[in-house]
């Protein structure tokens, strides 16, 4: 599958049914998959009001604050008790756990990754300097601050809020910032190893 460039400012906005926020979907795999059958999903959420987080059984989630004062995530059993208040610091948690989300101030914007547990693993990096990103068959790059030159099959320039994603085709990148205080989010998805491959034969 070819590369897909995007600008977060122009992504379609889907309001939540409970009125507490909205979602801008960046990508969902496989094509045409819905919330019940996706393999991995990338999106940006605007949280405008405190309330419960949706439960996604069998899904591993990662959330990262992009803008705003942040949120406090808590579960009833206190297995999760996390203040998401630092920009660009990812936090991973299970989608199985019912969570209550409390705004720490005004509305917040968050980057979200969801993967089907046991099938995919997501790795995130927030880059602040030039880096070589090894080949990944599924992935995404998003300029968080400043301007970046992405050198792969072609050279692509991205400014804050712009990025690209790809799936089902390997891509490697040399990412270079243009100036100081630049940040780039790099995400790669790798299929989980089949656990049956590690079983020892019966004696």
Foldseek 3Di string as FASTA:
>chain_A
DDKDKDFQVPFDWAADPVRQWIKGWDDWPPPPDDLQDTAKTKIKIKGAAWFKDQARPQKKKKKFWQDDQFKFKAAPVRPGTDTRGDHPDIDIDHSHTIITIHHPDGITMMIMMMGRPQWKDKDKDKDFAKDKFAKAQWWKKAKSAAKKWKPKPHTDIDHHRMIMIHHRHIIIITIGGDDGPTIMMIMGMDTDDDPVVVDDDDD
